[in-house]
N, C-alpha and C. Protein backbone atom coordinates (compact mmCIF):
# COMPACT_ATOMS: atom_id res chain seq x y z
N UNK A 1 -4.96 3.26 40.54
CA UNK A 1 -5.05 2.15 39.91
C UNK A 1 -4.48 3.00 38.06
N UNK A 2 -3.45 2.02 37.68
CA UNK A 2 -3.16 2.35 36.55
C UNK A 2 -4.19 2.20 35.54
N UNK A 3 -4.12 2.94 34.33
CA UNK A 3 -4.84 2.87 33.04
C UNK A 3 -4.71 1.79 32.31
N UNK A 4 -5.59 1.20 31.48
CA UNK A 4 -5.21 -0.17 31.03
C UNK A 4 -4.83 0.16 29.56
N UNK A 5 -3.72 -0.28 29.14
CA UNK A 5 -3.30 0.02 28.13
C UNK A 5 -4.41 -0.56 26.71
N UNK A 6 -4.17 0.10 25.64
CA UNK A 6 -5.11 -0.33 24.42
C UNK A 6 -4.68 -1.62 24.11
N UNK A 7 -5.50 -2.12 23.01
CA UNK A 7 -5.11 -3.67 22.06
C UNK A 7 -3.83 -3.27 21.92
N UNK A 8 -3.30 -2.02 21.16
CA UNK A 8 -1.72 -2.23 20.64
C UNK A 8 -0.50 -1.60 21.82
N UNK A 9 -0.79 -1.38 22.96
CA UNK A 9 0.03 -1.02 23.94
C UNK A 9 0.43 0.53 24.48
N UNK A 10 -0.56 1.45 23.61
CA UNK A 10 -0.71 2.76 23.84
C UNK A 10 -1.63 3.05 25.46
N UNK A 11 -1.23 3.45 26.57
CA UNK A 11 -1.78 3.53 27.52
C UNK A 11 -2.66 4.84 27.16
N UNK A 12 -3.42 4.88 27.42
CA UNK A 12 -4.34 6.21 27.46
C UNK A 12 -4.10 7.28 28.61
N UNK A 13 -3.34 6.91 29.37
CA UNK A 13 -2.54 8.00 30.39
C UNK A 13 -1.09 8.84 29.93
N UNK A 14 -0.83 7.75 28.44
CA UNK A 14 0.26 8.36 27.63
C UNK A 14 -0.04 9.88 26.97
N UNK A 15 0.75 10.60 27.34
CA UNK A 15 0.57 11.62 26.98
C UNK A 15 0.99 12.08 25.13
N UNK A 16 0.30 12.99 24.34
CA UNK A 16 0.62 13.06 23.22
C UNK A 16 2.26 12.99 22.77
N UNK A 17 2.92 14.32 23.63
CA UNK A 17 4.34 14.46 23.96
C UNK A 17 4.73 12.98 23.95
N UNK A 18 4.60 12.08 25.07
CA UNK A 18 5.30 10.91 24.97
C UNK A 18 5.11 10.08 24.27
N UNK A 19 3.98 9.75 23.62
CA UNK A 19 3.76 8.92 22.60
C UNK A 19 4.58 9.51 21.33
N UNK A 20 4.68 10.81 21.08
CA UNK A 20 5.22 11.35 20.20
C UNK A 20 6.79 11.12 20.18
N UNK A 21 7.46 11.14 21.47
CA UNK A 21 8.47 10.56 21.92
C UNK A 21 9.17 8.89 21.30
N UNK A 22 7.99 8.14 22.17
CA UNK A 22 8.07 6.99 21.78
C UNK A 22 7.85 6.58 20.17
N UNK A 23 7.14 6.92 19.89
CA UNK A 23 6.90 6.45 18.41
C UNK A 23 7.60 6.74 17.41
N UNK A 24 7.60 8.36 17.34
CA UNK A 24 7.88 9.30 15.98
C UNK A 24 9.46 9.26 16.10
N UNK A 25 9.96 9.88 16.92
CA UNK A 25 11.31 10.12 16.96
C UNK A 25 12.29 9.48 16.72
N UNK A 26 12.18 7.84 17.14
CA UNK A 26 13.01 6.79 16.69
C UNK A 26 12.87 6.75 15.49
N UNK A 27 12.00 6.88 14.45
CA UNK A 27 11.90 6.85 12.67
C UNK A 27 12.47 8.05 12.28
N UNK A 28 12.73 8.85 12.73
CA UNK A 28 13.17 10.25 11.75
C UNK A 28 14.40 10.13 11.02
N UNK A 29 15.18 9.03 11.24
CA UNK A 29 16.48 8.97 10.32
C UNK A 29 15.56 7.81 9.39
N UNK A 30 15.02 7.32 9.63
CA UNK A 30 14.44 6.10 8.43
C UNK A 30 13.60 6.94 7.72
N UNK A 31 12.54 7.94 7.90
CA UNK A 31 11.59 8.83 7.39
C UNK A 31 12.78 9.90 6.70
N UNK A 32 13.94 10.23 7.10
CA UNK A 32 14.70 11.11 6.29
C UNK A 32 15.35 10.70 4.88
N UNK A 33 15.76 8.84 5.03
CA UNK A 33 16.48 8.44 4.11
C UNK A 33 15.29 8.17 3.07
N UNK A 34 13.92 7.78 3.41
CA UNK A 34 12.88 7.47 2.67
C UNK A 34 12.67 9.01 1.72
N UNK A 35 12.42 10.01 2.11
CA UNK A 35 12.20 11.08 1.75
C UNK A 35 12.90 11.40 1.05
N UNK A 36 14.46 11.45 1.25
CA UNK A 36 15.79 11.40 0.13
C UNK A 36 15.50 10.61 -1.37
N UNK A 37 14.96 9.59 -1.07
CA UNK A 37 14.81 8.51 -2.07
C UNK A 37 13.59 9.07 -3.05
N UNK A 38 12.63 9.69 -2.45
CA UNK A 38 11.22 10.25 -2.78
C UNK A 38 11.59 11.34 -3.64
N UNK A 39 12.48 12.70 -3.07
CA UNK A 39 12.47 13.84 -3.56
C UNK A 39 14.03 14.24 -4.15
N UNK A 40 14.79 13.24 -4.10
CA UNK A 40 15.76 13.39 -4.64
C UNK A 40 16.79 14.91 -4.35
N UNK A 41 16.31 15.41 -3.36
CA UNK A 41 16.88 16.74 -3.02
C UNK A 41 16.93 16.62 -1.68
N UNK A 42 18.38 16.96 -0.88
CA UNK A 42 18.11 17.02 0.44
C UNK A 42 17.17 18.17 1.28
N UNK A 43 17.21 19.07 0.51
CA UNK A 43 16.34 20.28 1.17
C UNK A 43 15.08 19.81 1.35
N UNK A 44 14.49 19.50 0.09
CA UNK A 44 12.98 18.85 -0.27
C UNK A 44 12.64 17.85 0.95
N UNK A 45 13.87 16.89 1.05
CA UNK A 45 13.43 15.78 1.88
C UNK A 45 13.46 16.38 3.32
N UNK A 46 14.11 17.24 4.02
CA UNK A 46 14.17 17.73 4.94
C UNK A 46 12.54 18.24 5.34
N UNK A 47 12.29 19.14 4.08
CA UNK A 47 10.84 19.64 4.24
C UNK A 47 9.92 18.83 4.61
N UNK A 48 9.81 17.61 3.62
CA UNK A 48 8.82 16.79 3.64
C UNK A 48 8.62 15.86 5.13
N UNK A 49 10.10 15.88 5.66
CA UNK A 49 9.79 15.08 6.82
C UNK A 49 9.40 15.91 7.96
N UNK A 50 9.67 17.38 7.92
CA UNK A 50 9.20 18.21 8.67
C UNK A 50 7.66 18.39 8.49
N UNK A 51 6.85 18.21 7.68
CA UNK A 51 5.22 18.47 7.41
C UNK A 51 5.37 17.17 7.95
N UNK A 52 5.82 16.14 7.48
CA UNK A 52 5.34 14.74 8.03
C UNK A 52 4.92 14.51 9.70
N UNK A 53 5.88 14.85 10.45
CA UNK A 53 6.07 14.91 11.60
C UNK A 53 5.29 15.78 12.44
N UNK A 54 5.26 16.96 11.55
CA UNK A 54 4.02 17.87 12.03
C UNK A 54 2.56 17.30 12.18
N UNK A 55 2.30 16.75 10.89
CA UNK A 55 0.90 16.14 10.79
C UNK A 55 1.02 15.11 11.72
N UNK A 56 2.13 13.87 11.77
CA UNK A 56 2.07 13.37 12.79
C UNK A 56 1.83 13.49 14.09
N UNK A 57 2.32 14.64 14.87
CA UNK A 57 2.02 15.23 16.00
C UNK A 57 0.58 15.94 15.94
N UNK A 58 0.21 16.39 15.09
CA UNK A 58 -1.31 16.64 15.26
C UNK A 58 -2.27 15.64 15.24
N UNK A 59 -1.88 14.32 14.62
CA UNK A 59 -2.55 13.31 14.87
C UNK A 59 -2.48 12.52 15.88
N UNK A 60 -1.67 12.63 16.60
CA UNK A 60 -1.18 11.78 17.71
C UNK A 60 -2.10 11.32 18.84
N UNK A 61 -2.96 12.08 19.00
CA UNK A 61 -4.21 11.99 19.91
C UNK A 61 -4.78 10.62 19.23
N UNK A 62 -5.31 10.41 18.03
CA UNK A 62 -6.04 9.22 17.56
C UNK A 62 -4.89 8.33 16.97
N UNK A 63 -3.69 8.14 17.21
CA UNK A 63 -2.84 6.80 16.93
C UNK A 63 -2.78 6.03 18.14
N UNK A 64 -3.06 4.87 18.05
CA UNK A 64 -2.93 3.66 19.07
C UNK A 64 -1.80 3.15 19.22
N UNK A 65 -0.67 3.40 18.88
CA UNK A 65 0.58 2.97 19.11
C UNK A 65 0.76 1.26 18.08
N UNK A 66 0.01 1.26 17.36
CA UNK A 66 0.41 -0.22 16.41
C UNK A 66 1.14 0.24 14.95
N UNK A 67 1.99 -0.29 14.93
CA UNK A 67 2.68 -0.24 13.57
C UNK A 67 3.08 1.20 13.31
N UNK A 68 3.84 2.03 14.14
CA UNK A 68 3.89 3.21 13.97
C UNK A 68 4.88 3.57 12.90
N UNK A 69 5.90 2.97 12.24
CA UNK A 69 6.69 3.21 11.06
C UNK A 69 5.66 2.99 9.70
N UNK A 70 4.51 2.00 9.57
CA UNK A 70 3.65 2.04 8.64
C UNK A 70 2.75 3.44 8.49
N UNK A 71 2.39 3.68 9.68
CA UNK A 71 1.72 4.73 9.73
C UNK A 71 2.11 6.09 9.31
N UNK A 72 3.58 6.22 10.28
CA UNK A 72 4.39 7.43 9.43
C UNK A 72 4.58 7.43 7.92
N UNK A 73 4.89 6.00 7.58
CA UNK A 73 5.33 6.10 5.82
C UNK A 73 3.99 6.44 5.21
N UNK A 74 2.94 6.05 5.97
CA UNK A 74 1.64 6.48 4.82
C UNK A 74 1.40 8.33 5.31
N UNK A 75 1.57 8.72 6.16
CA UNK A 75 1.69 10.05 6.08
C UNK A 75 2.71 10.88 5.08
N UNK A 76 3.88 10.25 5.46
CA UNK A 76 4.74 10.70 4.45
C UNK A 76 4.57 10.66 3.02
N UNK A 77 4.11 9.33 2.51
CA UNK A 77 3.52 9.18 1.25
C UNK A 77 2.85 10.38 0.67
N UNK A 78 1.19 10.09 1.30
CA UNK A 78 0.34 11.20 1.26
C UNK A 78 0.71 12.39 1.54
N UNK A 79 1.75 13.25 2.18
CA UNK A 79 2.24 14.37 2.06
C UNK A 79 3.07 14.80 0.91
N UNK A 80 4.05 13.46 0.61
CA UNK A 80 4.76 13.64 -0.84
C UNK A 80 3.87 13.67 -1.83
N UNK A 81 2.71 13.17 -1.96
CA UNK A 81 1.89 13.27 -3.26
C UNK A 81 1.23 14.47 -3.24
N UNK A 82 0.72 15.01 -2.31
CA UNK A 82 -0.11 16.44 -2.27
C UNK A 82 1.02 17.47 -2.51
N UNK A 83 2.21 17.52 -2.20
CA UNK A 83 3.08 18.49 -2.38
C UNK A 83 3.72 18.22 -4.02
N UNK A 84 3.54 17.46 -4.43
CA UNK A 84 3.93 17.31 -6.08
C UNK A 84 2.82 17.12 -6.85
N UNK A 85 1.59 17.40 -6.84
CA UNK A 85 0.51 17.43 -7.14
C UNK A 85 0.98 18.97 -8.30
N UNK A 86 1.34 19.85 -7.89
CA UNK A 86 1.70 20.95 -8.14
C UNK A 86 2.96 21.06 -9.04
N UNK A 87 4.05 20.21 -8.79
CA UNK A 87 5.12 20.65 -9.70
C UNK A 87 5.75 19.01 -9.85
N UNK A 88 6.66 18.77 -10.61
CA UNK A 88 7.26 17.62 -11.02
C UNK A 88 8.91 17.62 -10.22
N UNK A 89 9.31 16.60 -9.75
CA UNK A 89 10.41 16.47 -8.97
C UNK A 89 11.37 16.58 -9.81
N UNK A 90 12.78 16.87 -9.36
CA UNK A 90 14.05 17.06 -9.97
C UNK A 90 14.40 15.44 -10.42
N UNK A 91 14.79 14.92 -11.47
CA UNK A 91 15.37 13.20 -11.32
C UNK A 91 16.62 13.14 -10.26
N UNK A 92 17.87 13.88 -10.76
CA UNK A 92 18.95 13.81 -9.91
C UNK A 92 19.28 15.17 -9.90
N UNK A 93 20.48 15.00 -8.43
CA UNK A 93 21.13 16.13 -8.34
C UNK A 93 22.41 15.72 -7.81
N UNK A 94 23.42 16.47 -7.81
CA UNK A 94 24.81 16.20 -7.44
C UNK A 94 24.84 15.59 -6.09
N UNK A 95 24.14 16.18 -5.31
CA UNK A 95 24.39 15.25 -3.35
C UNK A 95 23.78 14.08 -3.69
N UNK A 96 22.54 13.97 -4.24
CA UNK A 96 21.90 12.84 -4.33
C UNK A 96 22.98 11.40 -5.20
N UNK A 97 23.52 12.05 -6.49
CA UNK A 97 24.26 11.24 -7.05
C UNK A 97 25.72 11.11 -6.25
N UNK A 98 25.94 11.61 -5.28
CA UNK A 98 27.30 11.12 -4.60
C UNK A 98 27.12 10.07 -3.85
N UNK A 99 25.76 10.01 -2.90
CA UNK A 99 25.09 8.76 -2.11
C UNK A 99 24.92 7.67 -3.20
N UNK A 100 24.95 8.00 -4.36
CA UNK A 100 24.43 6.11 -4.94
C UNK A 100 25.52 5.26 -4.66
N UNK A 101 26.82 5.33 -4.42
CA UNK A 101 27.74 4.28 -4.73
C UNK A 101 28.48 4.64 -3.01
N UNK A 102 28.66 3.87 -2.16
CA UNK A 102 29.90 3.87 -1.15
C UNK A 102 30.59 4.66 -1.49
N UNK A 103 31.46 5.71 -0.49
CA UNK A 103 32.78 6.31 -0.54
C UNK A 103 33.81 5.79 -1.15
N UNK A 104 34.36 6.41 -2.50
CA UNK A 104 35.11 5.21 -2.66
C UNK A 104 36.61 5.24 -2.03
N UNK A 105 37.39 3.93 -2.03
CA UNK A 105 38.00 3.58 -0.90
C UNK A 105 39.29 4.41 -1.50
N UNK A 106 40.04 4.44 -0.63
CA UNK A 106 41.34 5.23 -0.93
C UNK A 106 42.43 4.53 -1.12
N UNK A 107 43.10 4.54 -2.59
CA UNK A 107 43.87 3.82 -3.11
C UNK A 107 44.52 4.51 -4.20
N UNK A 108 45.33 3.68 -4.95
CA UNK A 108 46.35 4.06 -6.04
C UNK A 108 45.02 5.00 -7.29
N UNK A 109 45.71 5.88 -7.92
CA UNK A 109 45.02 6.91 -8.75
C UNK A 109 44.39 6.19 -10.14
N UNK A 110 44.98 5.00 -10.00
CA UNK A 110 44.07 4.03 -11.54
C UNK A 110 42.68 3.40 -10.86
N UNK A 111 42.99 3.03 -9.72
CA UNK A 111 41.64 2.11 -9.00
C UNK A 111 40.90 3.66 -8.74
N UNK A 112 41.12 4.28 -8.37
CA UNK A 112 40.02 5.72 -7.81
C UNK A 112 39.37 5.78 -9.15
N UNK A 113 40.02 5.99 -10.19
CA UNK A 113 39.49 6.25 -11.18
C UNK A 113 38.71 5.53 -12.06
N UNK A 114 39.00 4.37 -11.86
CA UNK A 114 38.10 3.27 -12.32
C UNK A 114 36.88 3.09 -11.70
N UNK A 115 37.24 3.55 -10.02
CA UNK A 115 35.69 3.40 -9.10
C UNK A 115 34.85 4.69 -9.28
N UNK A 116 35.69 5.60 -9.81
CA UNK A 116 34.64 6.94 -10.35
C UNK A 116 33.85 6.61 -11.46
N UNK A 117 34.35 5.72 -12.53
CA UNK A 117 33.86 5.71 -13.63
C UNK A 117 32.68 4.62 -13.35
N UNK A 118 33.01 3.87 -12.59
CA UNK A 118 32.16 2.75 -12.12
C UNK A 118 30.55 3.52 -11.38
N UNK A 119 31.31 4.26 -10.86
CA UNK A 119 29.97 4.90 -10.08
C UNK A 119 29.25 5.89 -11.24
N UNK A 120 29.77 6.38 -11.96
CA UNK A 120 29.27 7.14 -12.86
C UNK A 120 28.39 6.76 -13.77
N UNK A 121 28.82 5.06 -14.12
CA UNK A 121 27.97 4.19 -14.94
C UNK A 121 26.79 3.73 -14.22
N UNK A 122 27.12 3.68 -12.70
CA UNK A 122 25.84 3.57 -11.99
C UNK A 122 24.91 4.37 -11.98
N UNK A 123 25.47 5.53 -11.93
CA UNK A 123 24.65 6.55 -11.70
C UNK A 123 23.35 7.04 -12.98
N UNK A 124 24.63 6.55 -14.03
CA UNK A 124 23.52 6.74 -15.23
C UNK A 124 22.81 5.65 -15.85
N UNK A 125 23.14 4.67 -15.33
CA UNK A 125 21.93 3.40 -15.37
C UNK A 125 20.49 3.71 -14.44
N UNK A 126 20.88 3.89 -13.11
CA UNK A 126 19.93 4.39 -12.34
C UNK A 126 18.72 5.47 -13.06
N UNK A 127 20.03 6.79 -13.60
CA UNK A 127 18.97 7.92 -14.04
C UNK A 127 18.22 7.49 -15.17
N UNK A 128 18.30 6.23 -16.00
CA UNK A 128 17.59 5.89 -17.26
C UNK A 128 16.20 4.86 -16.71
N UNK A 129 16.25 4.65 -15.69
CA UNK A 129 15.21 3.69 -15.03
C UNK A 129 13.78 4.96 -15.42
N UNK A 130 12.87 4.05 -15.46
CA UNK A 130 11.35 4.85 -15.43
C UNK A 130 11.16 5.31 -13.72
N UNK A 131 10.65 6.45 -13.31
CA UNK A 131 10.56 6.91 -12.28
C UNK A 131 9.81 5.53 -11.42
N UNK A 132 9.06 4.87 -11.69
CA UNK A 132 8.62 4.09 -10.68
C UNK A 132 9.08 3.13 -10.46
N UNK A 133 10.29 2.49 -11.14
CA UNK A 133 10.92 1.55 -11.17
C UNK A 133 12.19 1.93 -10.15
N UNK A 134 12.72 3.01 -10.68
CA UNK A 134 13.68 3.94 -9.84
C UNK A 134 13.68 4.21 -8.98
N UNK A 135 12.42 4.38 -8.10
CA UNK A 135 12.27 4.67 -6.57
C UNK A 135 12.22 3.43 -6.27
N UNK A 136 11.80 2.47 -6.56
CA UNK A 136 11.76 1.18 -5.79
C UNK A 136 13.41 0.75 -5.83
N UNK A 137 14.06 0.52 -7.00
CA UNK A 137 15.67 0.30 -6.74
C UNK A 137 16.33 1.02 -5.32
N UNK A 138 15.67 2.55 -5.68
CA UNK A 138 16.67 3.55 -4.35
C UNK A 138 16.29 2.91 -2.99
N UNK A 139 14.62 2.75 -2.64
CA UNK A 139 14.43 2.27 -1.61
C UNK A 139 14.99 0.93 -1.04
N UNK A 140 14.90 0.21 -1.82
CA UNK A 140 15.44 -1.26 -1.69
C UNK A 140 16.85 -1.32 -1.07
N UNK A 141 17.35 -0.96 -2.35
CA UNK A 141 19.11 -1.13 -2.54
C UNK A 141 19.61 -0.05 -1.87
N UNK A 142 19.60 1.21 -1.94
CA UNK A 142 19.94 2.20 -1.50
C UNK A 142 19.89 2.50 -0.15
N UNK A 143 18.22 2.67 0.55
CA UNK A 143 17.93 2.83 1.60
C UNK A 143 17.94 1.51 2.95
N UNK A 144 17.89 0.41 2.30
CA UNK A 144 17.86 -0.75 2.74
C UNK A 144 16.59 -0.81 3.51
N UNK A 145 15.58 -0.30 2.69
CA UNK A 145 14.09 -0.20 3.20
C UNK A 145 13.62 -1.97 2.94
N UNK A 146 12.55 -2.31 3.66
CA UNK A 146 11.93 -3.76 3.50
C UNK A 146 11.44 -3.80 2.40
N UNK A 147 10.96 -4.63 1.45
CA UNK A 147 10.21 -4.83 0.62
C UNK A 147 8.46 -4.34 1.02
N UNK A 148 8.35 -4.81 2.69
CA UNK A 148 7.05 -4.60 2.90
C UNK A 148 6.89 -2.88 3.33
N UNK A 149 7.99 -2.23 3.79
CA UNK A 149 8.07 -0.89 4.03
C UNK A 149 8.13 0.00 2.57
N UNK A 150 8.58 -0.54 1.54
CA UNK A 150 8.41 0.06 0.02
C UNK A 150 6.76 0.25 -0.19
N UNK A 151 6.67 -1.18 -0.34
CA UNK A 151 4.75 -1.31 -0.59
C UNK A 151 4.07 -0.31 0.33
N UNK A 152 4.31 -0.40 1.43
CA UNK A 152 3.65 0.93 1.86
C UNK A 152 3.68 2.05 1.85
N UNK A 153 4.96 2.94 1.77
CA UNK A 153 5.40 4.29 1.29
C UNK A 153 5.00 4.47 -0.27
N UNK A 154 4.88 3.43 -0.95
CA UNK A 154 4.49 3.64 -2.43
C UNK A 154 3.42 3.21 -2.77
N UNK A 155 2.23 2.52 -1.76
CA UNK A 155 0.95 2.14 -1.85
C UNK A 155 0.93 0.92 -3.00
N UNK A 156 1.50 0.43 -3.17
CA UNK A 156 1.68 -0.81 -3.96
C UNK A 156 1.97 -2.19 -3.19
N UNK A 157 1.39 -3.15 -4.11
CA UNK A 157 1.44 -4.52 -3.63
C UNK A 157 2.97 -4.87 -3.54
N UNK A 158 3.12 -5.76 -2.43
CA UNK A 158 4.91 -6.32 -2.28
C UNK A 158 5.14 -6.82 -3.97
N UNK A 159 4.38 -7.86 -4.43
CA UNK A 159 4.35 -8.25 -5.80
C UNK A 159 5.02 -7.07 -6.96
N UNK A 160 4.37 -6.31 -6.71
CA UNK A 160 4.94 -5.16 -7.72
C UNK A 160 6.21 -4.43 -7.62
N UNK A 161 6.63 -4.26 -5.93
CA UNK A 161 7.77 -3.89 -5.67
C UNK A 161 8.72 -4.82 -6.28
N UNK A 162 8.56 -6.25 -6.01
CA UNK A 162 9.55 -7.39 -6.17
C UNK A 162 9.93 -7.28 -7.77
N UNK A 163 8.84 -7.29 -8.63
CA UNK A 163 8.67 -6.94 -9.73
C UNK A 163 9.68 -5.87 -10.45
N UNK A 164 9.10 -4.71 -10.07
CA UNK A 164 10.00 -3.30 -10.34
C UNK A 164 11.21 -3.40 -9.96
N UNK A 165 11.66 -3.69 -8.78
CA UNK A 165 12.88 -4.40 -8.36
C UNK A 165 14.14 -5.23 -9.20
N UNK A 166 13.23 -6.27 -9.60
CA UNK A 166 13.92 -7.37 -10.35
C UNK A 166 14.03 -6.72 -11.99
N UNK A 167 13.29 -5.96 -12.22
CA UNK A 167 13.48 -5.51 -13.76
C UNK A 167 14.36 -4.24 -13.67
N UNK A 168 14.39 -3.39 -12.40
CA UNK A 168 15.40 -2.10 -12.56
C UNK A 168 17.02 -2.73 -12.17
N UNK A 169 17.17 -4.16 -11.31
CA UNK A 169 18.34 -4.26 -11.16
C UNK A 169 18.79 -5.11 -12.73
N UNK A 170 17.72 -5.82 -13.25
CA UNK A 170 18.37 -6.37 -14.42
C UNK A 170 18.71 -5.35 -15.64
N UNK A 171 18.08 -3.94 -15.65
CA UNK A 171 18.22 -2.87 -16.72
C UNK A 171 19.68 -2.35 -16.38
N UNK A 172 19.98 -2.07 -14.89
CA UNK A 172 21.07 -1.42 -14.48
C UNK A 172 22.35 -2.74 -15.05
N UNK A 173 22.09 -3.54 -14.79
CA UNK A 173 22.83 -4.58 -14.88
C UNK A 173 23.28 -4.58 -16.33
N UNK A 174 22.43 -4.41 -17.11
CA UNK A 174 22.51 -4.89 -18.90
C UNK A 174 23.63 -3.21 -19.58
N UNK A 175 23.01 -1.70 -18.71
CA UNK A 175 23.41 -1.07 -18.63
C UNK A 175 25.22 -0.87 -18.56
N UNK A 176 25.34 -1.60 -17.35
CA UNK A 176 26.95 -1.82 -17.13
C UNK A 176 27.41 -2.73 -17.73
N UNK A 177 27.02 -3.83 -18.11
CA UNK A 177 27.59 -4.72 -19.29
C UNK A 177 27.76 -3.82 -20.69
N UNK A 178 26.67 -3.27 -20.73
CA UNK A 178 26.94 -2.37 -22.04
C UNK A 178 27.99 -1.54 -22.45
N UNK A 179 28.42 -1.02 -21.00
CA UNK A 179 29.29 0.25 -21.12
C UNK A 179 30.93 -0.22 -20.61
N UNK A 180 30.74 -2.05 -20.38
CA UNK A 180 31.84 -2.62 -20.20
C UNK A 180 32.45 -2.21 -18.78
N UNK A 181 31.52 -2.01 -17.63
CA UNK A 181 31.79 -1.65 -16.26
C UNK A 181 31.66 -2.65 -15.51
N UNK A 182 31.27 -3.96 -16.05
CA UNK A 182 31.02 -4.98 -15.13
C UNK A 182 32.26 -6.09 -15.33
N UNK A 183 33.03 -6.13 -13.90
CA UNK A 183 34.48 -7.00 -13.96
C UNK A 183 33.70 -8.10 -14.87
N UNK A 184 35.13 -8.18 -16.02
CA UNK A 184 34.83 -9.66 -16.57
C UNK A 184 34.00 -9.29 -17.95
N UNK A 185 33.45 -8.71 -18.04
CA UNK A 185 32.45 -8.79 -19.06
C UNK A 185 32.93 -7.37 -20.42
N UNK A 186 33.10 -7.70 -21.29
CA UNK A 186 33.52 -6.94 -22.09
C UNK A 186 32.39 -6.40 -23.16
N UNK A 187 32.17 -5.29 -23.23
CA UNK A 187 31.16 -4.33 -24.04
C UNK A 187 30.65 -4.85 -25.37
N UNK A 188 29.45 -4.88 -25.07
CA UNK A 188 28.58 -6.24 -26.07
C UNK A 188 27.78 -5.29 -26.92
N UNK A 189 28.00 -3.92 -26.73
CA UNK A 189 26.65 -3.07 -27.90
C UNK A 189 28.14 -1.97 -28.37
């Protein structure tokens, strides 16, 4: 007779190793992307994910199989908060800046220069955002997280995610218009 699965589908006969492979391993890439947005440093992001998966593995026996991503995001968020209570994270580093805009298209030097100037203007505009707004913009627009995922990671209501995202995007647009980097718009300041 096979053991009954619990309400959320995890059978009591599934070992912690099997559950880890089923629920945690498929989320590693997403955890790393979110960790990069939170830490702005690839090495710190890897350390944060490593700490997160270690904590998840230790808690695997108490995980019921429901909402694995939300469960992992909660562990990631709490681990990040605990790690940063003693230090303030760096704002931007070169590795992170390079990821803000997709790879430049190969074309003529004038177009490449224009694309690089636009990328630099976007990086500068994002860097001027308040931290709470910047993290939301990065998670939604750069890491392609859903509003619900961002709300879970940051432990804020979805409405707050939407508000910060709207204000952040508006600020970036205003900065790009002011710098003359929005196509068809002249510098207004």
